[in-house]
Amino acid sequence: MTLTDKNRKDLLERMIEAAKEVLNSSWLEVKPFAEQEFSHFTDNLKLIQELTTAGKITQEQARNQMEIQKESMRLVILCIRGVGIVAAENTLNAIIEVIKTPVNKALGWALL
């Protein structure tokens, strides 16, 4: 199975809903930045899948790249005034939780 445009769109929707739930009143301020970052995240998931499938990177390298992507999301959320470290971390955890199973299933191995 692969990450298609359709299931990437589904992942993006799940990420947005998870972030909305955690951030509540801060969501409107975070939304434009978060949606762009989440879209970038799903693009990188597809790239990581392509590179691992082609044998250009190992699963360990893919996991390292994913940690960089998660840190990028965390920083984007933290840069919004009024969003604290705990809220940013809770948001990232909620996002990963809702996409972990479909992403790992699509890849056929545990990336998240």
PDB file of N, CA and C in Angstrom:
ATOM      1  N   MET A   1       0.846  -1.177   0.000  1.00  0.00           N
ATOM      2  CA  MET A   1       0.000   0.000   0.000  1.00  0.00           C
ATOM      3  C   MET A   1       0.896   1.246   0.000  1.00  0.00           C
ATOM      4  N   THR A   2       0.386   2.309  -0.590  1.00  0.00           N
ATOM      5  CA  THR A   2       1.165   3.546  -0.651  1.00  0.00           C
ATOM      6  C   THR A   2       0.329   4.725  -0.181  1.00  0.00           C
ATOM      7  N   LEU A   3       1.020   5.805   0.099  1.00  0.00           N
ATOM      8  CA  LEU A   3       0.337   7.053   0.444  1.00  0.00           C
ATOM      9  C   LEU A   3      -0.108   7.720  -0.847  1.00  0.00           C
ATOM     10  N   THR A   4      -1.395   7.749  -1.077  1.00  0.00           N
ATOM     11  CA  THR A   4      -1.948   8.366  -2.280  1.00  0.00           C
ATOM     12  C   THR A   4      -2.389   9.787  -1.948  1.00  0.00           C
ATOM     13  N   ASP A   5      -2.750  10.533  -2.985  1.00  0.00           N
ATOM     14  CA  ASP A   5      -3.270  11.884  -2.752  1.00  0.00           C
ATOM     15  C   ASP A   5      -4.529  11.835  -1.893  1.00  0.00           C
ATOM     16  N   LYS A   6      -5.362  10.811  -2.117  1.00  0.00           N
ATOM     17  CA  LYS A   6      -6.605  10.684  -1.355  1.00  0.00           C
ATOM     18  C   LYS A   6      -6.322  10.437   0.123  1.00  0.00           C
ATOM     19  N   ASN A   7      -5.431   9.477   0.438  1.00  0.00           N
ATOM     20  CA  ASN A   7      -5.220   9.239   1.858  1.00  0.00           C
ATOM     21  C   ASN A   7      -4.332  10.303   2.492  1.00  0.00           C
ATOM     22  N   ARG A   8      -3.547  11.014   1.702  1.00  0.00           N
ATOM     23  CA  ARG A   8      -2.814  12.162   2.244  1.00  0.00           C
ATOM     24  C   ARG A   8      -3.800  13.270   2.624  1.00  0.00           C
ATOM     25  N   LYS A   9      -4.833  13.453   1.818  1.00  0.00           N
ATOM     26  CA  LYS A   9      -5.872  14.446   2.135  1.00  0.00           C
ATOM     27  C   LYS A   9      -6.586  14.051   3.427  1.00  0.00           C
ATOM     28  N   ASP A  10      -6.877  12.765   3.571  1.00  0.00           N
ATOM     29  CA  ASP A  10      -7.509  12.265   4.791  1.00  0.00           C
ATOM     30  C   ASP A  10      -6.599  12.498   6.003  1.00  0.00           C
ATOM     31  N   LEU A  11      -5.308  12.247   5.849  1.00  0.00           N
ATOM     32  CA  LEU A  11      -4.360  12.495   6.944  1.00  0.00           C
ATOM     33  C   LEU A  11      -4.354  13.971   7.324  1.00  0.00           C
ATOM     34  N   LEU A  12      -4.341  14.832   6.334  1.00  0.00           N
ATOM     35  CA  LEU A  12      -4.347  16.270   6.579  1.00  0.00           C
ATOM     36  C   LEU A  12      -5.596  16.686   7.363  1.00  0.00           C
ATOM     37  N   GLU A  13      -6.750  16.166   6.975  1.00  0.00           N
ATOM     38  CA  GLU A  13      -7.995  16.471   7.680  1.00  0.00           C
ATOM     39  C   GLU A  13      -7.941  15.985   9.127  1.00  0.00           C
ATOM     40  N   ARG A  14      -7.392  14.788   9.347  1.00  0.00           N
ATOM     41  CA  ARG A  14      -7.254  14.256  10.703  1.00  0.00           C
ATOM     42  C   ARG A  14      -6.322  15.129  11.545  1.00  0.00           C
ATOM     43  N   MET A  15      -5.236  15.576  10.937  1.00  0.00           N
ATOM     44  CA  MET A  15      -4.274  16.417  11.647  1.00  0.00           C
ATOM     45  C   MET A  15      -4.923  17.736  12.064  1.00  0.00           C
ATOM     46  N   ILE A  16      -5.677  18.333  11.156  1.00  0.00           N
ATOM     47  CA  ILE A  16      -6.344  19.603  11.440  1.00  0.00           C
ATOM     48  C   ILE A  16      -7.365  19.433  12.564  1.00  0.00           C
ATOM     49  N   GLU A  17      -8.163  18.384  12.503  1.00  0.00           N
ATOM     50  CA  GLU A  17      -9.159  18.151  13.548  1.00  0.00           C
ATOM     51  C   GLU A  17      -8.495  17.926  14.907  1.00  0.00           C
ATOM     52  N   ALA A  18      -7.413  17.180  14.935  1.00  0.00           N
ATOM     53  CA  ALA A  18      -6.708  16.928  16.198  1.00  0.00           C
ATOM     54  C   ALA A  18      -6.146  18.225  16.769  1.00  0.00           C
ATOM     55  N   ALA A  19      -5.568  19.047  15.908  1.00  0.00           N
ATOM     56  CA  ALA A  19      -4.999  20.320  16.359  1.00  0.00           C
ATOM     57  C   ALA A  19      -6.088  21.250  16.874  1.00  0.00           C
ATOM     58  N   LYS A  20      -7.220  21.306  16.167  1.00  0.00           N
ATOM     59  CA  LYS A  20      -8.343  22.148  16.604  1.00  0.00           C
ATOM     60  C   LYS A  20      -8.800  21.769  18.003  1.00  0.00           C
ATOM     61  N   GLU A  21      -8.931  20.463  18.238  1.00  0.00           N
ATOM     62  CA  GLU A  21      -9.389  19.983  19.542  1.00  0.00           C
ATOM     63  C   GLU A  21      -8.456  20.411  20.669  1.00  0.00           C
ATOM     64  N   VAL A  22      -7.164  20.299  20.439  1.00  0.00           N
ATOM     65  CA  VAL A  22      -6.201  20.605  21.497  1.00  0.00           C
ATOM     66  C   VAL A  22      -6.031  22.111  21.679  1.00  0.00           C
ATOM     67  N   LEU A  23      -5.967  22.833  20.590  1.00  0.00           N
ATOM     68  CA  LEU A  23      -5.657  24.267  20.672  1.00  0.00           C
ATOM     69  C   LEU A  23      -6.863  25.142  20.984  1.00  0.00           C
ATOM     70  N   ASN A  24      -8.056  24.634  20.775  1.00  0.00           N
ATOM     71  CA  ASN A  24      -9.286  25.362  21.092  1.00  0.00           C
ATOM     72  C   ASN A  24      -9.258  26.813  20.629  1.00  0.00           C
ATOM     73  N   SER A  25      -9.221  27.749  21.567  1.00  0.00           N
ATOM     74  CA  SER A  25      -9.332  29.175  21.256  1.00  0.00           C
ATOM     75  C   SER A  25      -8.130  29.715  20.479  1.00  0.00           C
ATOM     76  N   SER A  26      -7.005  29.038  20.536  1.00  0.00           N
ATOM     77  CA  SER A  26      -5.819  29.492  19.799  1.00  0.00           C
ATOM     78  C   SER A  26      -5.830  29.039  18.348  1.00  0.00           C
ATOM     79  N   TRP A  27      -6.770  28.147  17.984  1.00  0.00           N
ATOM     80  CA  TRP A  27      -6.759  27.561  16.655  1.00  0.00           C
ATOM     81  C   TRP A  27      -6.816  28.607  15.537  1.00  0.00           C
ATOM     82  N   LEU A  28      -7.682  29.592  15.654  1.00  0.00           N
ATOM     83  CA  LEU A  28      -7.821  30.576  14.573  1.00  0.00           C
ATOM     84  C   LEU A  28      -6.513  31.322  14.312  1.00  0.00           C
ATOM     85  N   GLU A  29      -5.756  31.569  15.343  1.00  0.00           N
ATOM     86  CA  GLU A  29      -4.469  32.245  15.168  1.00  0.00           C
ATOM     87  C   GLU A  29      -3.424  31.304  14.561  1.00  0.00           C
ATOM     88  N   VAL A  30      -3.481  30.052  14.940  1.00  0.00           N
ATOM     89  CA  VAL A  30      -2.504  29.058  14.483  1.00  0.00           C
ATOM     90  C   VAL A  30      -2.838  28.526  13.090  1.00  0.00           C
ATOM     91  N   LYS A  31      -4.111  28.505  12.744  1.00  0.00           N
ATOM     92  CA  LYS A  31      -4.621  27.829  11.549  1.00  0.00           C
ATOM     93  C   LYS A  31      -3.810  28.052  10.266  1.00  0.00           C
ATOM     94  N   PRO A  32      -3.564  29.286   9.829  1.00  0.00           N
ATOM     95  CA  PRO A  32      -2.877  29.437   8.540  1.00  0.00           C
ATOM     96  C   PRO A  32      -1.482  28.809   8.523  1.00  0.00           C
ATOM     97  N   PHE A  33      -0.781  28.943   9.625  1.00  0.00           N
ATOM     98  CA  PHE A  33       0.572  28.391   9.712  1.00  0.00           C
ATOM     99  C   PHE A  33       0.534  26.874   9.858  1.00  0.00           C
ATOM    100  N   ALA A  34      -0.386  26.404  10.692  1.00  0.00           N
ATOM    101  CA  ALA A  34      -0.501  24.976  10.945  1.00  0.00           C
ATOM    102  C   ALA A  34      -0.911  24.218   9.689  1.00  0.00           C
ATOM    103  N   GLU A  35      -1.912  24.718   8.982  1.00  0.00           N
ATOM    104  CA  GLU A  35      -2.364  24.016   7.778  1.00  0.00           C
ATOM    105  C   GLU A  35      -1.256  23.911   6.739  1.00  0.00           C
ATOM    106  N   GLN A  36      -0.478  24.969   6.594  1.00  0.00           N
ATOM    107  CA  GLN A  36       0.636  24.912   5.652  1.00  0.00           C
ATOM    108  C   GLN A  36       1.680  23.890   6.110  1.00  0.00           C
ATOM    109  N   GLU A  37       1.994  23.893   7.400  1.00  0.00           N
ATOM    110  CA  GLU A  37       2.983  22.961   7.938  1.00  0.00           C
ATOM    111  C   GLU A  37       2.489  21.516   7.854  1.00  0.00           C
ATOM    112  N   PHE A  38       1.204  21.295   8.126  1.00  0.00           N
ATOM    113  CA  PHE A  38       0.651  19.944   8.050  1.00  0.00           C
ATOM    114  C   PHE A  38       0.688  19.431   6.611  1.00  0.00           C
ATOM    115  N   SER A  39       0.404  20.301   5.657  1.00  0.00           N
ATOM    116  CA  SER A  39       0.467  19.919   4.246  1.00  0.00           C
ATOM    117  C   SER A  39       1.902  19.542   3.863  1.00  0.00           C
ATOM    118  N   HIS A  40       2.832  20.341   4.331  1.00  0.00           N
ATOM    119  CA  HIS A  40       4.255  20.060   4.087  1.00  0.00           C
ATOM    120  C   HIS A  40       4.635  18.708   4.707  1.00  0.00           C
ATOM    121  N   PHE A  41       4.119  18.434   5.893  1.00  0.00           N
ATOM    122  CA  PHE A  41       4.383  17.171   6.587  1.00  0.00           C
ATOM    123  C   PHE A  41       3.914  15.984   5.747  1.00  0.00           C
ATOM    124  N   THR A  42       2.685  16.061   5.192  1.00  0.00           N
ATOM    125  CA  THR A  42       2.183  14.948   4.385  1.00  0.00           C
ATOM    126  C   THR A  42       2.974  14.804   3.084  1.00  0.00           C
ATOM    127  N   ASP A  43       3.434  15.922   2.521  1.00  0.00           N
ATOM    128  CA  ASP A  43       4.304  15.846   1.338  1.00  0.00           C
ATOM    129  C   ASP A  43       5.591  15.100   1.674  1.00  0.00           C
ATOM    130  N   ASN A  44       6.141  15.385   2.852  1.00  0.00           N
ATOM    131  CA  ASN A  44       7.368  14.715   3.267  1.00  0.00           C
ATOM    132  C   ASN A  44       7.149  13.242   3.570  1.00  0.00           C
ATOM    133  N   LEU A  45       5.975  12.895   4.079  1.00  0.00           N
ATOM    134  CA  LEU A  45       5.666  11.475   4.280  1.00  0.00           C
ATOM    135  C   LEU A  45       5.742  10.724   2.950  1.00  0.00           C
ATOM    136  N   LYS A  46       5.157  11.334   1.919  1.00  0.00           N
ATOM    137  CA  LYS A  46       5.178  10.705   0.590  1.00  0.00           C
ATOM    138  C   LYS A  46       6.613  10.581   0.075  1.00  0.00           C
ATOM    139  N   LEU A  47       7.411  11.629   0.244  1.00  0.00           N
ATOM    140  CA  LEU A  47       8.802  11.583  -0.194  1.00  0.00           C
ATOM    141  C   LEU A  47       9.581  10.499   0.557  1.00  0.00           C
ATOM    142  N   ILE A  48       9.381  10.419   1.847  1.00  0.00           N
ATOM    143  CA  ILE A  48      10.056   9.392   2.645  1.00  0.00           C
ATOM    144  C   ILE A  48       9.665   8.005   2.159  1.00  0.00           C
ATOM    145  N   GLN A  49       8.390   7.826   1.875  1.00  0.00           N
ATOM    146  CA  GLN A  49       7.948   6.537   1.345  1.00  0.00           C
ATOM    147  C   GLN A  49       8.633   6.221   0.017  1.00  0.00           C
ATOM    148  N   GLU A  50       8.678   7.186  -0.875  1.00  0.00           N
ATOM    149  CA  GLU A  50       9.309   6.966  -2.181  1.00  0.00           C
ATOM    150  C   GLU A  50      10.789   6.618  -2.038  1.00  0.00           C
ATOM    151  N   LEU A  51      11.484   7.335  -1.165  1.00  0.00           N
ATOM    152  CA  LEU A  51      12.914   7.103  -0.986  1.00  0.00           C
ATOM    153  C   LEU A  51      13.211   5.753  -0.336  1.00  0.00           C
ATOM    154  N   THR A  52      12.387   5.349   0.636  1.00  0.00           N
ATOM    155  CA  THR A  52      12.616   4.042   1.259  1.00  0.00           C
ATOM    156  C   THR A  52      12.259   2.914   0.301  1.00  0.00           C
ATOM    157  N   THR A  53      11.191   3.088  -0.445  1.00  0.00           N
ATOM    158  CA  THR A  53      10.792   2.068  -1.414  1.00  0.00           C
ATOM    159  C   THR A  53      11.868   1.889  -2.486  1.00  0.00           C
ATOM    160  N   ALA A  54      12.488   2.983  -2.890  1.00  0.00           N
ATOM    161  CA  ALA A  54      13.539   2.924  -3.917  1.00  0.00           C
ATOM    162  C   ALA A  54      14.884   2.480  -3.337  1.00  0.00           C
ATOM    163  N   GLY A  55      14.948   2.316  -2.024  1.00  0.00           N
ATOM    164  CA  GLY A  55      16.200   1.895  -1.398  1.00  0.00           C
ATOM    165  C   GLY A  55      17.237   2.997  -1.274  1.00  0.00           C
ATOM    166  N   LYS A  56      16.796   4.246  -1.434  1.00  0.00           N
ATOM    167  CA  LYS A  56      17.730   5.375  -1.353  1.00  0.00           C
ATOM    168  C   LYS A  56      18.010   5.805   0.081  1.00  0.00           C
ATOM    169  N   ILE A  57      17.083   5.499   0.998  1.00  0.00           N
ATOM    170  CA  ILE A  57      17.320   5.727   2.421  1.00  0.00           C
ATOM    171  C   ILE A  57      16.831   4.497   3.181  1.00  0.00           C
ATOM    172  N   THR A  58      17.408   4.291   4.351  1.00  0.00           N
ATOM    173  CA  THR A  58      16.999   3.176   5.194  1.00  0.00           C
ATOM    174  C   THR A  58      15.805   3.591   6.045  1.00  0.00           C
ATOM    175  N   GLN A  59      15.201   2.606   6.696  1.00  0.00           N
ATOM    176  CA  GLN A  59      14.102   2.927   7.606  1.00  0.00           C
ATOM    177  C   GLN A  59      14.606   3.778   8.769  1.00  0.00           C
ATOM    178  N   GLU A  60      15.804   3.533   9.223  1.00  0.00           N
ATOM    179  CA  GLU A  60      16.365   4.363  10.294  1.00  0.00           C
ATOM    180  C   GLU A  60      16.522   5.814   9.834  1.00  0.00           C
ATOM    181  N   GLN A  61      17.016   6.015   8.623  1.00  0.00           N
ATOM    182  CA  GLN A  61      17.140   7.373   8.090  1.00  0.00           C
ATOM    183  C   GLN A  61      15.761   8.010   7.928  1.00  0.00           C
ATOM    184  N   ALA A  62      14.784   7.218   7.529  1.00  0.00           N
ATOM    185  CA  ALA A  62      13.412   7.724   7.385  1.00  0.00           C
ATOM    186  C   ALA A  62      12.866   8.171   8.740  1.00  0.00           C
ATOM    187  N   ARG A  63      13.121   7.378   9.768  1.00  0.00           N
ATOM    188  CA  ARG A  63      12.656   7.765  11.114  1.00  0.00           C
ATOM    189  C   ARG A  63      13.351   9.033  11.586  1.00  0.00           C
ATOM    190  N   ASN A  64      14.632   9.164  11.300  1.00  0.00           N
ATOM    191  CA  ASN A  64      15.352  10.390  11.664  1.00  0.00           C
ATOM    192  C   ASN A  64      14.769  11.597  10.940  1.00  0.00           C
ATOM    193  N   GLN A  65      14.466  11.437   9.671  1.00  0.00           N
ATOM    194  CA  GLN A  65      13.851  12.515   8.896  1.00  0.00           C
ATOM    195  C   GLN A  65      12.492  12.870   9.468  1.00  0.00           C
ATOM    196  N   MET A  66      11.737  11.860   9.911  1.00  0.00           N
ATOM    197  CA  MET A  66      10.415  12.116  10.483  1.00  0.00           C
ATOM    198  C   MET A  66      10.535  12.886  11.794  1.00  0.00           C
ATOM    199  N   GLU A  67      11.556  12.620  12.582  1.00  0.00           N
ATOM    200  CA  GLU A  67      11.776  13.386  13.820  1.00  0.00           C
ATOM    201  C   GLU A  67      12.025  14.860  13.490  1.00  0.00           C
ATOM    202  N   ILE A  68      12.748  15.121  12.426  1.00  0.00           N
ATOM    203  CA  ILE A  68      12.984  16.504  11.989  1.00  0.00           C
ATOM    204  C   ILE A  68      11.661  17.158  11.594  1.00  0.00           C
ATOM    205  N   GLN A  69      10.806  16.419  10.897  1.00  0.00           N
ATOM    206  CA  GLN A  69       9.511  16.958  10.472  1.00  0.00           C
ATOM    207  C   GLN A  69       8.621  17.250  11.678  1.00  0.00           C
ATOM    208  N   LYS A  70       8.641  16.361  12.657  1.00  0.00           N
ATOM    209  CA  LYS A  70       7.840  16.589  13.864  1.00  0.00           C
ATOM    210  C   LYS A  70       8.346  17.814  14.624  1.00  0.00           C
ATOM    211  N   GLU A  71       9.642  17.982  14.685  1.00  0.00           N
ATOM    212  CA  GLU A  71      10.215  19.150  15.363  1.00  0.00           C
ATOM    213  C   GLU A  71       9.818  20.437  14.634  1.00  0.00           C
ATOM    214  N   SER A  72       9.786  20.387  13.327  1.00  0.00           N
ATOM    215  CA  SER A  72       9.365  21.539  12.543  1.00  0.00           C
ATOM    216  C   SER A  72       7.922  21.920  12.885  1.00  0.00           C
ATOM    217  N   MET A  73       7.029  20.916  12.974  1.00  0.00           N
ATOM    218  CA  MET A  73       5.641  21.198  13.347  1.00  0.00           C
ATOM    219  C   MET A  73       5.570  21.807  14.740  1.00  0.00           C
ATOM    220  N   ARG A  74       6.322  21.239  15.652  1.00  0.00           N
ATOM    221  CA  ARG A  74       6.332  21.738  17.038  1.00  0.00           C
ATOM    222  C   ARG A  74       6.752  23.206  17.055  1.00  0.00           C
ATOM    223  N   LEU A  75       7.781  23.560  16.319  1.00  0.00           N
ATOM    224  CA  LEU A  75       8.282  24.934  16.292  1.00  0.00           C
ATOM    225  C   LEU A  75       7.283  25.897  15.672  1.00  0.00           C
ATOM    226  N   VAL A  76       6.609  25.482  14.629  1.00  0.00           N
ATOM    227  CA  VAL A  76       5.599  26.342  14.003  1.00  0.00           C
ATOM    228  C   VAL A  76       4.499  26.662  15.006  1.00  0.00           C
ATOM    229  N   ILE A  77       4.044  25.644  15.724  1.00  0.00           N
ATOM    230  CA  ILE A  77       2.980  25.862  16.712  1.00  0.00           C
ATOM    231  C   ILE A  77       3.481  26.745  17.850  1.00  0.00           C
ATOM    232  N   LEU A  78       4.707  26.521  18.296  1.00  0.00           N
ATOM    233  CA  LEU A  78       5.271  27.303  19.402  1.00  0.00           C
ATOM    234  C   LEU A  78       5.473  28.772  19.055  1.00  0.00           C
ATOM    235  N   CYS A  79       5.668  29.075  17.804  1.00  0.00           N
ATOM    236  CA  CYS A  79       5.934  30.457  17.395  1.00  0.00           C
ATOM    237  C   CYS A  79       4.699  31.349  17.469  1.00  0.00           C
ATOM    238  N   ILE A  80       3.544  30.768  17.658  1.00  0.00           N
ATOM    239  CA  ILE A  80       2.320  31.558  17.750  1.00  0.00           C
ATOM    240  C   ILE A  80       2.175  32.064  19.180  1.00  0.00           C
ATOM    241  N   ARG A  81       2.029  33.356  19.309  1.00  0.00           N
ATOM    242  CA  ARG A  81       1.886  33.958  20.629  1.00  0.00           C
ATOM    243  C   ARG A  81       0.687  33.359  21.358  1.00  0.00           C
ATOM    244  N   GLY A  82       0.889  33.009  22.593  1.00  0.00           N
ATOM    245  CA  GLY A  82      -0.188  32.457  23.407  1.00  0.00           C
ATOM    246  C   GLY A  82      -0.234  30.940  23.435  1.00  0.00           C
ATOM    247  N   VAL A  83       0.524  30.288  22.564  1.00  0.00           N
ATOM    248  CA  VAL A  83       0.574  28.826  22.574  1.00  0.00           C
ATOM    249  C   VAL A  83       1.839  28.426  23.321  1.00  0.00           C
ATOM    250  N   GLY A  84       1.666  27.768  24.437  1.00  0.00           N
ATOM    251  CA  GLY A  84       2.798  27.375  25.258  1.00  0.00           C
ATOM    252  C   GLY A  84       3.398  26.046  24.841  1.00  0.00           C
ATOM    253  N   ILE A  85       4.464  25.690  25.504  1.00  0.00           N
ATOM    254  CA  ILE A  85       5.179  24.449  25.196  1.00  0.00           C
ATOM    255  C   ILE A  85       4.279  23.231  25.398  1.00  0.00           C
ATOM    256  N   VAL A  86       3.536  23.221  26.483  1.00  0.00           N
ATOM    257  CA  VAL A  86       2.670  22.069  26.772  1.00  0.00           C
ATOM    258  C   VAL A  86       1.594  21.935  25.698  1.00  0.00           C
ATOM    259  N   ALA A  87       0.987  23.040  25.311  1.00  0.00           N
ATOM    260  CA  ALA A  87      -0.051  22.992  24.271  1.00  0.00           C
ATOM    261  C   ALA A  87       0.532  22.536  22.937  1.00  0.00           C
ATOM    262  N   ALA A  88       1.709  23.019  22.598  1.00  0.00           N
ATOM    263  CA  ALA A  88       2.352  22.604  21.351  1.00  0.00           C
ATOM    264  C   ALA A  88       2.666  21.115  21.373  1.00  0.00           C
ATOM    265  N   GLU A  89       3.193  20.633  22.491  1.00  0.00           N
ATOM    266  CA  GLU A  89       3.527  19.213  22.617  1.00  0.00           C
ATOM    267  C   GLU A  89       2.265  18.355  22.586  1.00  0.00           C
ATOM    268  N   ASN A  90       1.212  18.789  23.271  1.00  0.00           N
ATOM    269  CA  ASN A  90      -0.051  18.051  23.256  1.00  0.00           C
ATOM    270  C   ASN A  90      -0.656  18.009  21.863  1.00  0.00           C
ATOM    271  N   THR A  91      -0.527  19.109  21.143  1.00  0.00           N
ATOM    272  CA  THR A  91      -1.025  19.159  19.767  1.00  0.00           C
ATOM    273  C   THR A  91      -0.269  18.185  18.886  1.00  0.00           C
ATOM    274  N   LEU A  92       1.049  18.207  18.960  1.00  0.00           N
ATOM    275  CA  LEU A  92       1.855  17.291  18.152  1.00  0.00           C
ATOM    276  C   LEU A  92       1.526  15.842  18.497  1.00  0.00           C
ATOM    277  N   ASN A  93       1.407  15.529  19.780  1.00  0.00           N
ATOM    278  CA  ASN A  93       1.073  14.162  20.195  1.00  0.00           C
ATOM    279  C   ASN A  93      -0.283  13.732  19.658  1.00  0.00           C
ATOM    280  N   ALA A  94      -1.264  14.625  19.707  1.00  0.00           N
ATOM    281  CA  ALA A  94      -2.602  14.308  19.198  1.00  0.00           C
ATOM    282  C   ALA A  94      -2.567  14.067  17.689  1.00  0.00           C
ATOM    283  N   ILE A  95      -1.803  14.874  16.979  1.00  0.00           N
ATOM    284  CA  ILE A  95      -1.686  14.723  15.524  1.00  0.00           C
ATOM    285  C   ILE A  95      -1.055  13.377  15.170  1.00  0.00           C
ATOM    286  N   ILE A  96       0.052  13.065  15.807  1.00  0.00           N
ATOM    287  CA  ILE A  96       0.740  11.807  15.514  1.00  0.00           C
ATOM    288  C   ILE A  96      -0.163  10.622  15.847  1.00  0.00           C
ATOM    289  N   GLU A  97      -0.888  10.718  16.945  1.00  0.00           N
ATOM    290  CA  GLU A  97      -1.777   9.625  17.356  1.00  0.00           C
ATOM    291  C   GLU A  97      -2.846   9.331  16.303  1.00  0.00           C
ATOM    292  N   VAL A  98      -3.428  10.372  15.703  1.00  0.00           N
ATOM    293  CA  VAL A  98      -4.506  10.135  14.734  1.00  0.00           C
ATOM    294  C   VAL A  98      -4.007   9.698  13.362  1.00  0.00           C
ATOM    295  N   ILE A  99      -2.727   9.922  13.062  1.00  0.00           N
ATOM    296  CA  ILE A  99      -2.227   9.505  11.744  1.00  0.00           C
ATOM    297  C   ILE A  99      -1.302   8.295  11.802  1.00  0.00           C
ATOM    298  N   LYS A 100      -0.880   7.904  12.998  1.00  0.00           N
ATOM    299  CA  LYS A 100       0.102   6.823  13.150  1.00  0.00           C
ATOM    300  C   LYS A 100      -0.335   5.530  12.456  1.00  0.00           C
ATOM    301  N   THR A 101      -1.516   5.051  12.759  1.00  0.00           N
ATOM    302  CA  THR A 101      -1.968   3.773  12.210  1.00  0.00           C
ATOM    303  C   THR A 101      -2.102   3.811  10.688  1.00  0.00           C
ATOM    304  N   PRO A 102      -2.798   4.807  10.110  1.00  0.00           N
ATOM    305  CA  PRO A 102      -2.899   4.791   8.648  1.00  0.00           C
ATOM    306  C   PRO A 102      -1.552   4.971   7.941  1.00  0.00           C
ATOM    307  N   VAL A 103      -0.669   5.783   8.513  1.00  0.00           N
ATOM    308  CA  VAL A 103       0.640   5.986   7.883  1.00  0.00           C
ATOM    309  C   VAL A 103       1.456   4.699   7.939  1.00  0.00           C
ATOM    310  N   ASN A 104       1.551   4.108   9.113  1.00  0.00           N
ATOM    311  CA  ASN A 104       2.335   2.875   9.242  1.00  0.00           C
ATOM    312  C   ASN A 104       1.765   1.749   8.387  1.00  0.00           C
ATOM    313  N   LYS A 105       0.435   1.691   8.298  1.00  0.00           N
ATOM    314  CA  LYS A 105      -0.204   0.674   7.460  1.00  0.00           C
ATOM    315  C   LYS A 105       0.119   0.908   5.984  1.00  0.00           C
ATOM    316  N   ALA A 106       0.057   2.160   5.555  1.00  0.00           N
ATOM    317  CA  ALA A 106       0.346   2.477   4.154  1.00  0.00           C
ATOM    318  C   ALA A 106       1.797   2.160   3.807  1.00  0.00           C
ATOM    319  N   LEU A 107       2.694   2.414   4.743  1.00  0.00           N
ATOM    320  CA  LEU A 107       4.109   2.158   4.490  1.00  0.00           C
ATOM    321  C   LEU A 107       4.467   0.679   4.608  1.00  0.00           C
ATOM    322  N   GLY A 108       3.735  -0.020   5.456  1.00  0.00           N
ATOM    323  CA  GLY A 108       4.045  -1.428   5.670  1.00  0.00           C
ATOM    324  C   GLY A 108       5.107  -1.641   6.744  1.00  0.00           C
ATOM    325  N   TRP A 109       5.461  -0.587   7.460  1.00  0.00           N
ATOM    326  CA  TRP A 109       6.427  -0.653   8.562  1.00  0.00           C
ATOM    327  C   TRP A 109       6.195   0.544   9.469  1.00  0.00           C
ATOM    328  N   ALA A 110       6.708   0.475  10.694  1.00  0.00           N
ATOM    329  CA  ALA A 110       6.439   1.515  11.708  1.00  0.00           C
ATOM    330  C   ALA A 110       7.362   2.712  11.563  1.00  0.00           C
ATOM    331  N   LEU A 111       6.844   3.766  10.973  1.00  0.00           N
ATOM    332  CA  LEU A 111       7.570   5.028  10.869  1.00  0.00           C
ATOM    333  C   LEU A 111       7.226   5.915  12.052  1.00  0.00           C
ATOM    334  N   LEU A 112       5.976   5.931  12.430  1.00  0.00           N
ATOM    335  CA  LEU A 112       5.515   6.796  13.526  1.00  0.00           C
ATOM    336  C   LEU A 112       5.197   5.973  14.774  1.00  0.00           C
TER     337      LEU A 112
END
